[in-house]
């Protein structure tokens, strides 16, 4: 029943504002193309679609003015016929979207998408609990209320289920994925500030959302639309030339290059090393 009510909650949010669906789809596609999103069952250390959807809904709750109400506000708006308790969790919210007041927020979907990347690019994921019930990031440790903290598994990314408050929806995400998510958000936010995002390219390059949704890192003005560039940080005092002059090629630069190549083979191409 919790899963059924969660689905109805997502449907209510999608019906509450016409910008919700395209923004959710955009973030899901972007995360998939960046290798940040996994299968819907949440296997492995990647974000699943449910977690990505909740991140978008939370972001929309925090806009000024908000696009979506908090879960606590929805509970206050619920009528007697909307009351529901499952497993001790209060899952009350209006079933009819007409019960909600239209949002006074007038930001465009593209503007909201750019701001989504900006907000989560510098977000303190390990030090906060994202709460859709409150519509804000709660400090750690969580509040003393037993229903909000008991059994909540904390990790590099803490995203509280809107109703089952002891469930961290992103508990499977490891530190590496959480760090990559923030880094990819920062790269996307930088791209969204560029002319390439807002204006059609005169040089035949991919631009706007098309460029944003292509695989690999997003860099404004990149010559290859699908390029995935990995830099190898060598000491400025040395460099590739000194690497070639070392007897046996076993200088510190050699091991740095080896580590970079291993990263490409193992983490990018998913080879067994």
Foldseek 3Di string as FASTA:
>chain_A
DVVVLLVLVLVLLCVQDVLLVVLLVLQVLLCVLAVQEDDQVQPAQHAYSSLSSLLLQLLQCPDVVHQDDFLLVQQVLFDPVQWDADPNWTSGGHSDSVSDDGTPDDDDSLRSNLVSLVDLLPDQFQQWARASNVSDTAGPPHDPPCQQHPQQQGASGAYADHINNNYRSNNSHHNVSSNVSSVLSVQSNVLSPDVQQVDPDPVPARGHSRLSSAHAGRDPPDPDSNDHDDDQDDDPVADPVNQVVDVVSPDPSSVSVVVVVCCCQCVVVVHDD
